[in-house]
Protein backbone atom coordinates (compact mmCIF):
# COMPACT_ATOMS: atom_id res chain seq x y z
CA MET A 1 17.09 23.08 8.86
CA LYS A 2 19.26 23.22 5.78
CA ARG A 3 17.06 23.13 2.66
CA TYR A 4 13.61 22.36 1.29
CA SER A 5 12.65 23.53 -2.16
CA ILE A 6 14.29 26.24 -4.24
CA ILE A 7 11.32 28.49 -3.54
CA LEU A 8 11.62 28.25 0.23
CA LEU A 9 15.39 28.52 0.20
CA LEU A 10 15.20 31.83 -1.63
CA LEU A 11 12.37 32.92 0.61
CA SER A 12 14.54 32.63 3.71
CA VAL A 13 16.67 35.44 2.30
CA SER A 14 13.90 37.62 0.91
CA LEU A 15 11.75 37.50 4.04
CA ALA A 16 14.56 38.90 6.14
CA CYS A 17 14.77 41.92 3.82
CA ALA A 18 11.04 42.45 3.26
CA SER A 19 9.02 45.31 4.71
CA THR A 20 6.10 43.82 6.61
CA SER A 21 4.20 47.07 6.27
CA VAL A 22 4.04 46.39 2.52
CA LEU A 23 3.95 42.58 2.38
CA GLN A 24 0.71 41.77 4.17
CA ALA A 25 -1.42 38.67 3.74
CA SER A 26 -4.46 39.27 1.61
CA PRO A 27 -7.64 39.53 3.75
CA THR A 28 -9.83 38.38 0.86
CA PRO A 29 -9.60 34.87 -0.62
CA ILE A 30 -8.30 34.89 -4.17
CA SER A 31 -8.89 32.08 -6.65
CA ARG A 32 -5.90 30.32 -8.11
CA GLN A 33 -7.02 30.92 -11.67
CA SER A 34 -7.50 34.66 -11.24
CA SER A 35 -4.02 35.02 -9.75
CA ILE A 36 -2.23 33.58 -12.81
CA PRO A 37 -0.81 36.21 -15.20
CA SER A 38 -2.67 36.46 -18.49
CA ASP A 39 0.50 35.78 -20.46
CA ASN A 40 0.93 32.38 -18.78
CA ILE A 41 -0.45 29.95 -21.36
CA LYS A 42 -1.18 26.44 -20.06
CA LYS A 43 1.52 23.99 -21.12
CA THR A 44 0.61 20.52 -22.38
CA PRO A 45 2.65 17.42 -23.25
CA ASP A 46 2.59 18.61 -26.88
CA ASP A 47 4.52 21.74 -25.82
CA ASP A 48 7.06 19.84 -23.73
CA VAL A 49 10.58 19.70 -25.16
CA TRP A 50 11.80 17.75 -22.11
CA PRO A 51 8.99 15.23 -21.39
CA PRO A 52 9.29 12.70 -18.55
CA VAL A 53 10.67 9.28 -19.50
CA ILE A 54 9.17 6.28 -17.67
CA ALA A 55 10.56 2.81 -16.94
CA THR A 56 8.95 -0.42 -18.14
CA GLY A 57 5.96 -1.43 -16.04
CA TRP A 58 4.38 2.03 -15.85
CA SER A 59 2.10 3.92 -18.22
CA GLN A 60 3.24 7.03 -20.09
CA PRO A 61 2.97 9.88 -17.54
CA GLN A 62 0.23 12.43 -18.06
CA PRO A 63 -0.53 15.67 -16.22
CA LEU A 64 -3.52 15.68 -13.92
CA GLY A 65 -6.33 17.60 -15.57
CA ALA A 66 -8.51 20.35 -14.19
CA PRO A 67 -9.17 21.34 -11.51
CA ILE A 68 -5.67 20.44 -10.20
CA ASN A 69 -3.13 21.70 -12.74
CA THR A 70 -3.19 25.25 -14.02
CA ALA A 71 -0.87 27.54 -15.98
CA GLY A 72 0.77 28.31 -12.63
CA GLY A 73 2.98 26.01 -10.61
CA GLU A 74 1.65 22.91 -8.81
CA ASP A 75 4.29 21.15 -6.75
CA SER A 76 4.97 18.90 -3.71
CA PRO A 77 1.98 16.52 -3.98
CA PHE A 78 0.97 14.51 -0.93
CA ILE A 79 -1.79 11.92 -0.51
CA PRO A 80 -2.60 10.58 2.99
CA VAL A 81 -2.69 6.82 3.54
CA ASP A 82 -6.51 6.82 3.35
CA GLY A 83 -6.38 8.37 -0.14
CA SER A 84 -9.03 10.93 0.78
CA ALA A 85 -7.27 14.07 -0.43
CA LEU A 86 -4.48 15.54 -2.53
CA TYR A 87 -2.36 18.24 -0.89
CA PHE A 88 0.06 20.32 -2.95
CA PHE A 89 2.00 23.57 -3.09
CA PHE A 90 0.82 26.25 -5.53
CA THR A 91 2.28 29.50 -6.80
CA PRO A 92 0.70 31.42 -9.71
CA ASP A 93 3.92 32.12 -11.64
CA VAL A 94 7.12 30.06 -11.29
CA ARG A 95 9.09 32.98 -12.77
CA VAL A 96 8.29 35.30 -9.85
CA PRO A 97 10.98 35.77 -7.14
CA ALA A 98 10.12 34.10 -3.86
CA GLY A 99 9.86 37.37 -1.93
CA GLU A 100 7.05 38.57 -4.18
CA GLN A 101 5.06 35.39 -3.54
CA LEU A 102 4.60 36.45 0.07
CA HIS A 103 1.84 38.91 -0.73
CA ASP A 104 0.08 37.35 -3.72
CA GLY A 105 -2.65 35.87 -1.51
CA VAL A 106 -2.51 32.38 -3.04
CA THR A 107 0.99 30.91 -2.81
CA GLY A 108 1.01 28.11 -0.25
CA ILE A 109 -0.60 24.74 0.49
CA TRP A 110 -3.85 23.72 -1.18
CA VAL A 111 -6.00 20.60 -0.84
CA ALA A 112 -8.50 18.78 -3.07
CA ALA A 113 -10.84 16.09 -1.75
CA LYS A 114 -11.16 12.80 -3.62
CA LEU A 115 -14.14 12.68 -5.97
CA GLY A 116 -14.68 9.33 -7.70
CA GLU A 117 -11.64 8.77 -9.89
CA GLY A 118 -10.71 12.46 -9.77
CA TRP A 119 -10.48 15.40 -7.40
CA GLU A 120 -12.75 18.21 -6.28
CA ALA A 121 -11.81 21.86 -6.78
CA PRO A 122 -8.89 22.68 -4.43
CA SER A 123 -9.11 25.12 -1.55
CA ARG A 124 -6.38 26.99 0.32
CA VAL A 125 -5.16 25.44 3.59
CA ILE A 126 -4.97 28.22 6.18
CA LEU A 127 -2.12 27.64 8.62
CA ALA A 128 -1.41 31.07 10.13
CA PRO A 129 -3.26 34.16 11.37
CA GLU A 130 -4.53 36.35 8.56
CA ASP A 131 -2.25 39.25 9.49
CA GLU A 132 1.00 37.25 9.82
CA LEU A 133 3.43 37.27 6.93
CA HIS A 134 4.20 33.64 6.09
CA LEU A 135 4.79 31.07 3.37
CA ASP A 136 4.07 27.35 3.90
CA GLY A 137 5.03 24.25 1.94
CA CYS A 138 6.20 20.60 2.18
CA PRO A 139 2.84 19.17 3.39
CA PHE A 140 2.81 15.82 5.20
CA VAL A 141 -0.41 14.45 6.72
CA LEU A 142 -0.91 11.47 9.02
CA GLY A 143 -4.52 11.10 10.18
CA ASP A 144 -5.62 14.39 11.73
CA TRP A 145 -2.05 15.63 12.13
CA MET A 146 -0.07 17.72 9.65
CA LEU A 147 3.58 18.73 9.37
CA PHE A 148 4.60 21.55 7.06
CA CYS A 149 7.68 23.72 6.56
CA SER A 150 7.23 27.45 6.93
CA VAL A 151 8.93 30.82 6.99
CA ARG A 152 6.99 33.37 9.00
CA GLU A 153 7.43 36.56 10.98
CA SER A 154 7.65 34.67 14.25
CA THR A 155 10.71 32.72 13.03
CA GLY A 156 12.52 35.56 11.26
CA SER A 157 14.29 34.26 8.17
CA GLU A 158 14.56 30.66 9.42
CA ILE A 159 12.73 27.81 7.74
CA ARG A 160 11.18 25.61 10.42
CA TRP A 161 8.78 22.68 10.73
CA PHE A 162 5.30 23.37 12.10
CA SER A 163 2.49 21.01 13.08
CA ALA A 164 -1.28 21.40 12.95
CA GLN A 165 -4.32 19.41 14.08
CA LYS A 166 -7.53 18.93 12.12
CA ALA A 167 -10.77 19.81 13.89
CA ASP A 168 -14.12 19.95 12.04
CA SER A 169 -12.32 19.83 8.67
CA VAL A 170 -10.14 22.85 9.56
CA TRP A 171 -6.44 22.80 10.44
CA VAL A 172 -5.89 24.49 13.80
CA ASP A 173 -3.43 24.61 16.71
CA TRP A 174 -0.43 25.58 14.58
CA GLN A 175 2.73 24.85 16.58
CA ASP A 176 6.45 25.14 15.94
CA TRP A 177 7.55 21.48 15.70
CA SER A 178 11.26 21.90 14.94
CA ASP A 179 12.30 21.49 18.56
CA GLU A 180 10.94 17.92 18.49
CA ILE A 181 14.04 17.03 16.48
CA ASP A 182 17.64 17.54 17.58
CA PRO A 183 18.96 20.47 15.45
CA ALA A 184 22.15 18.47 14.87
CA TYR A 185 20.11 16.03 12.77
CA GLN A 186 19.60 18.78 10.14
CA VAL A 187 16.23 17.42 9.07
CA GLY A 188 15.14 18.56 5.61
CA GLU A 189 12.14 17.36 3.61
CA LEU A 190 10.66 14.40 5.41
CA HIS A 191 8.21 11.50 5.52
CA ILE A 192 6.99 9.54 8.55
CA SER A 193 5.97 5.88 8.31
CA ALA A 194 2.28 4.99 8.53
CA ASP A 195 2.76 3.66 12.09
CA GLY A 196 4.43 6.92 13.15
CA ASN A 197 7.65 5.24 14.29
CA GLU A 198 10.14 5.93 11.47
CA LEU A 199 11.21 9.34 10.22
CA TYR A 200 12.86 9.53 6.77
CA PHE A 201 14.46 12.76 5.68
CA GLY A 202 16.97 14.37 3.33
CA SER A 203 19.99 16.05 4.91
CA GLU A 204 23.50 17.33 4.19
CA ARG A 205 24.65 16.17 7.62
CA SER A 206 28.15 14.73 7.82
CA GLY A 207 28.82 11.00 7.58
CA GLY A 208 26.96 10.41 4.34
CA TYR A 209 28.00 9.61 0.79
CA GLY A 210 28.14 13.20 -0.41
CA GLY A 211 25.67 16.05 -0.89
CA PHE A 212 22.17 15.31 0.38
CA ASP A 213 21.54 11.77 1.62
CA ILE A 214 18.40 10.11 2.95
CA TRP A 215 18.49 9.20 6.63
CA MET A 216 16.12 7.40 8.98
CA SER A 217 15.40 7.98 12.67
CA VAL A 218 13.41 5.63 14.93
CA LYS A 219 11.02 7.01 17.55
CA SER A 220 11.23 5.86 21.17
CA ASP A 221 9.95 7.08 24.53
CA GLN A 222 12.91 9.47 24.55
CA GLY A 223 12.05 10.96 21.16
CA TRP A 224 13.62 10.55 17.73
CA GLY A 225 16.84 8.54 17.80
CA GLU A 226 20.21 9.19 16.17
CA PRO A 227 19.79 9.19 12.37
CA ILE A 228 20.88 6.13 10.37
CA ASN A 229 22.12 6.56 6.81
CA LEU A 230 20.15 4.33 4.42
CA GLY A 231 23.33 3.12 2.77
CA PRO A 232 24.72 2.76 -0.77
CA GLY A 233 21.61 1.17 -2.24
CA VAL A 234 19.87 4.54 -1.84
CA ASN A 235 22.58 7.17 -1.37
CA THR A 236 25.34 8.23 -3.76
CA ALA A 237 27.71 11.16 -4.22
CA ALA A 238 24.76 12.99 -5.83
CA ASP A 239 21.83 14.53 -3.92
CA GLU A 240 19.13 12.10 -2.72
CA ASN A 241 16.14 13.91 -1.24
CA ARG A 242 12.36 14.15 -0.77
CA PRO A 243 11.66 10.59 0.43
CA PHE A 244 8.30 8.81 0.40
CA LEU A 245 7.77 5.48 2.20
CA THR A 246 4.92 3.25 1.05
CA ALA A 247 2.23 2.50 3.62
CA ASP A 248 3.46 -1.07 4.08
CA GLY A 249 7.02 0.18 4.62
CA ALA A 250 8.35 -2.07 1.84
CA ALA A 251 9.55 0.53 -0.66
CA LEU A 252 11.18 3.94 -0.51
CA TRP A 253 10.70 6.45 -3.32
CA PHE A 254 12.81 9.59 -3.68
CA ASP A 255 14.42 11.89 -6.23
CA SER A 256 18.06 12.29 -7.24
CA THR A 257 20.26 12.91 -10.26
CA THR A 258 19.66 10.51 -13.14
CA ARG A 259 21.83 7.39 -13.19
CA SER A 260 20.73 6.25 -16.64
CA GLY A 261 23.84 7.41 -18.43
CA LEU A 262 21.63 9.12 -21.03
CA TYR A 263 21.11 12.82 -21.49
CA TYR A 264 18.06 13.33 -19.31
CA PRO A 265 18.46 16.74 -17.63
CA GLY A 266 17.03 17.54 -14.24
CA PRO A 267 16.15 15.22 -11.35
CA ALA A 268 14.76 11.70 -11.64
CA VAL A 269 12.49 9.52 -9.49
CA PHE A 270 13.88 6.35 -7.90
CA ARG A 271 12.54 3.34 -5.95
CA SER A 272 14.41 1.11 -3.50
CA GLU A 273 12.94 -1.96 -1.78
CA ARG A 274 13.56 -2.94 1.82
CA GLN A 275 15.31 -6.29 2.26
CA THR A 276 14.56 -8.88 4.96
CA ASP A 277 17.62 -7.74 6.93
CA GLY A 278 16.38 -4.14 6.94
CA THR A 279 18.82 -2.83 4.33
CA TRP A 280 17.76 -1.22 1.05
CA ASP A 281 18.51 -2.69 -2.35
CA THR A 282 20.04 -0.77 -5.26
CA ALA A 283 17.57 1.91 -6.29
CA GLN A 284 15.92 1.67 -9.71
CA GLU A 285 15.32 4.76 -11.81
CA ILE A 286 11.58 4.94 -12.56
CA VAL A 287 11.00 8.41 -14.07
CA SER A 288 13.68 10.55 -15.72
CA GLN A 289 13.87 14.13 -17.01
CA PHE A 290 12.63 16.83 -14.62
CA ALA A 291 10.73 14.41 -12.38
CA GLY A 292 10.71 14.66 -8.60
CA GLU A 293 8.81 14.48 -5.30
CA PRO A 294 7.18 11.08 -5.86
CA ILE A 295 4.21 9.73 -3.93
CA LEU A 296 1.98 6.68 -4.51
CA SER A 297 -1.71 6.04 -4.12
CA PRO A 298 -2.55 3.89 -1.06
CA ASP A 299 -2.87 0.75 -3.24
CA GLY A 300 0.57 1.39 -4.78
CA ASN A 301 -0.74 1.31 -8.34
CA THR A 302 -0.65 5.02 -9.17
CA LEU A 303 2.46 7.19 -9.06
CA TYR A 304 2.23 10.96 -8.67
CA PHE A 305 5.21 13.25 -9.18
CA VAL A 306 6.13 16.80 -10.15
CA HIS A 307 7.28 17.59 -13.66
CA HIS A 308 8.81 20.97 -14.48
CA TYR A 309 8.54 22.41 -17.98
CA PHE A 310 11.69 24.17 -19.21
CA ASP A 311 12.47 26.00 -22.41
CA LYS A 312 14.66 24.34 -25.03
CA ASP A 313 17.96 25.79 -23.81
CA LEU A 314 17.10 25.09 -20.15
CA SER A 315 17.45 28.78 -19.28
CA GLN A 316 13.99 29.23 -17.73
CA MET A 317 11.39 27.17 -15.93
CA LEU A 318 8.01 27.73 -17.54
CA GLU A 319 5.52 25.78 -15.43
CA ALA A 320 5.21 22.95 -12.90
CA ASP A 321 2.48 20.30 -13.01
CA ILE A 322 1.56 17.21 -11.04
CA TYR A 323 1.84 14.15 -13.26
CA VAL A 324 0.44 10.66 -12.87
CA SER A 325 1.44 7.20 -14.12
CA HIS A 326 -0.26 3.86 -13.57
CA LYS A 327 1.37 0.49 -12.92
CA THR A 328 0.95 -1.78 -15.94
CA ILE A 329 2.81 -4.85 -14.64
CA PRO A 330 1.63 -6.34 -11.30
């Protein structure tokens, strides 16, 4: 598996060099807020020198309020097709090297249940034994089944996909899932269609248009089939990654380098629509300037994505928040 997020890529190196006698999982739950350094001051749109820029038809993006976003880093949002919960990755300080996140007791996957128009207070999703050194991310949930990427003692320094089953509101039966996919496919961050039959993923595998491309594999009785490149409507010589397929299968959202021709640094969010012949039309840039990892509400009217705050000279990331925008044109 070639790459997920910057955090997990760096982690694959640091875990191999870490002393497990020192880096032990915390036996006592720690709140997100208490884990954030006191010098981390919550960023707001007023502080943002590189705010997200949205296309016509969507409202001006705003960060989700408490209790989701904090002065730490919220990333990789995921909402199941029933809209019942918001999963995300959290780390208390985006400036901290990945190896040090292993023993902070809070870095990993969190979940907040839906509450009216908002979200309940998030709780940590436990996906490994308490005494096993590990770091989990990239949550994907379909019904009572979860996929997540992980580096843990049992896999050495390798980032692999794991699965889990929900039982009585708890995720159990953690299993290494990577062997379900041919290693030659080089499956990176992924999304599976609502019917469970199509796997979309980012990969640097050969045969694409350059860098990371988005590929699709169809499930059969023999397993996941040979990947199909989604073609020039989606993929370019830049990196296309982190796909999300709408529940009806009609639109693919992903992030890549901006194509606007304007000076919008960082990644941008794109949308491509599936044509009647199964191909994908030319992707439209929806959110620019440090926007990535898009996902929609089940009704398709609310867009969630990650926005990273950077300082003026782009030398340091300051914070990561989950942002939201609402469709204004039907």
